[in-house]
Every structure is written in structure tokens, then in C-alpha cells.
Protein backbone atom coordinates (compact mmCIF):
# COMPACT_ATOMS: atom_id res chain seq x y z
CA MET A 1 7.65 -30.57 26.37
CA GLU A 2 7.36 -28.58 23.17
CA ILE A 3 7.14 -31.82 21.24
CA VAL A 4 3.85 -32.70 22.95
CA LYS A 5 2.41 -29.30 22.00
CA MET A 6 3.68 -29.68 18.41
CA LEU A 7 2.03 -33.10 18.17
CA ALA A 8 -1.27 -31.69 19.46
CA ASP A 9 -1.12 -28.85 16.91
CA LEU A 10 -0.34 -31.26 14.07
CA ARG A 11 -3.20 -33.56 15.06
CA ALA A 12 -5.59 -30.60 15.13
CA GLU A 13 -4.38 -29.51 11.71
CA GLN A 14 -4.75 -33.06 10.40
CA ALA A 15 -8.34 -33.19 11.68
CA ALA A 16 -9.13 -29.89 9.94
CA LEU A 17 -7.61 -31.18 6.68
CA ASP A 18 -9.56 -34.45 6.92
CA GLU A 19 -12.77 -32.48 7.39
CA ALA A 20 -11.99 -30.24 4.40
CA ILE A 21 -11.24 -33.30 2.23
CA ALA A 22 -14.54 -34.90 3.26
CA VAL A 23 -16.46 -31.72 2.35
CA LEU A 24 -14.78 -31.53 -1.06
CA ALA A 25 -15.45 -35.22 -1.70
CA ARG A 26 -19.16 -34.71 -0.94
CA MET A 27 -19.27 -31.69 -3.25
CA ALA A 28 -17.61 -33.66 -6.05
CA ALA A 29 -20.04 -36.56 -5.62
CA ALA A 30 -23.04 -34.22 -5.69
CA GLN A 31 -22.12 -32.69 -9.06
CA PRO A 32 -23.97 -34.16 -12.03
CA GLY A 33 -21.97 -36.02 -14.64
CA ARG A 34 -20.80 -33.96 -17.57
CA ARG A 35 -22.07 -34.57 -21.05
CA GLY A 36 -19.91 -35.45 -23.99
CA ARG A 37 -16.40 -36.65 -24.46
CA PRO A 38 -13.97 -35.92 -21.62
CA PRO A 39 -10.98 -33.69 -22.37
CA ALA A 40 -7.71 -35.35 -23.38
CA TRP A 41 -5.92 -34.37 -20.17
CA LEU A 42 -8.62 -36.08 -18.10
CA SER A 43 -8.43 -39.26 -20.17
CA ALA A 44 -4.65 -39.30 -19.77
CA ALA A 45 -4.95 -38.80 -16.01
CA LYS A 46 -7.35 -41.74 -15.74
CA GLY A 47 -5.05 -43.98 -17.80
CA GLY A 48 -6.76 -43.55 -21.14
CA ARG A 49 -5.08 -43.05 -24.48
CA GLY A 50 -4.09 -39.46 -23.73
CA SER A 51 -3.53 -37.41 -26.81
CA ALA A 52 -5.33 -38.58 -29.92
CA GLY A 53 -3.41 -41.31 -31.69
CA ALA A 54 -0.47 -41.34 -29.31
CA ASP A 55 0.07 -45.07 -29.77
CA ARG A 56 -1.15 -45.36 -33.36
CA PRO A 57 1.23 -45.41 -36.33
CA LYS A 58 1.31 -42.32 -38.52
CA ARG A 59 -0.97 -42.43 -41.57
CA VAL A 60 0.91 -42.42 -44.82
CA MET A 61 -0.66 -41.20 -48.08
CA SER A 62 0.83 -41.54 -51.48
CA ASP A 63 1.56 -38.40 -53.49
CA GLU A 64 -1.10 -39.44 -55.98
CA THR A 65 -3.76 -39.70 -53.24
CA ARG A 66 -2.71 -36.36 -51.74
CA LYS A 67 -3.00 -34.65 -55.15
CA LYS A 68 -6.39 -36.27 -55.77
CA MET A 69 -7.67 -34.99 -52.42
CA ALA A 70 -6.29 -31.50 -53.12
CA ARG A 71 -8.06 -31.39 -56.51
CA ALA A 72 -11.34 -32.48 -54.92
CA GLN A 73 -11.06 -29.84 -52.19
CA LYS A 74 -10.25 -27.10 -54.72
CA LYS A 75 -13.31 -28.17 -56.71
CA ARG A 76 -15.51 -27.97 -53.58
CA TRP A 77 -14.17 -24.50 -52.72
CA ALA A 78 -14.71 -23.29 -56.29
CA GLU A 79 -18.34 -24.43 -56.16
CA TYR A 80 -18.78 -22.78 -52.76
CA HIS A 81 -17.33 -19.45 -53.91
CA LYS A 82 -19.28 -19.57 -57.16
CA GLY A 83 -22.49 -19.92 -55.16
CA LYS A 84 -21.61 -16.88 -53.01
CA GLU A 85 -21.04 -14.55 -55.99
CA GLU A 86 -24.48 -15.11 -57.44
């Protein structure tokens, strides 16, 4: 006999949960869409790429290119700091 009461309680709990899920679904549908790019975790959850470049090969730069970029950045910083001192 307790089984019948347990089933009735579980069905009542299931009905309450279904109602709560329906309320939350309506609330989610009523929210306006967000602007901008979605966060990485959301893209991964929806089946997107996930973290940036997860399936792309690593970029390789030659030492010469790396040194050239470093010289250019040092030149930009020198010009920036020179402008601040004046």
C-alpha cells in the first residue's frame, strides 16, 4: 500500500517540476538576444569551435620574422615614450 502513496507523491513532484521547467523556458524565451560574440564556453556547448584555434595548426614564425617584429615594436614604443616626455 505504501507503493501507491509513493507513486502519488512522485507524480505530484513530477508535475511541480514540469511546471517549474515551463516557467523557466518562458522566462528564457522572453529575454532579448545578447549583443556581440558569444563566450567560448557557450560556443563549445552548442557544438562550435570551442576555444580559439583548437583545431587549427600552430603558427610558426621564423627567427628572422620574430626579430623583425620585435624591432618594429621597440620602435613603436620608443616613439610612444618620446611623445610622453615632451
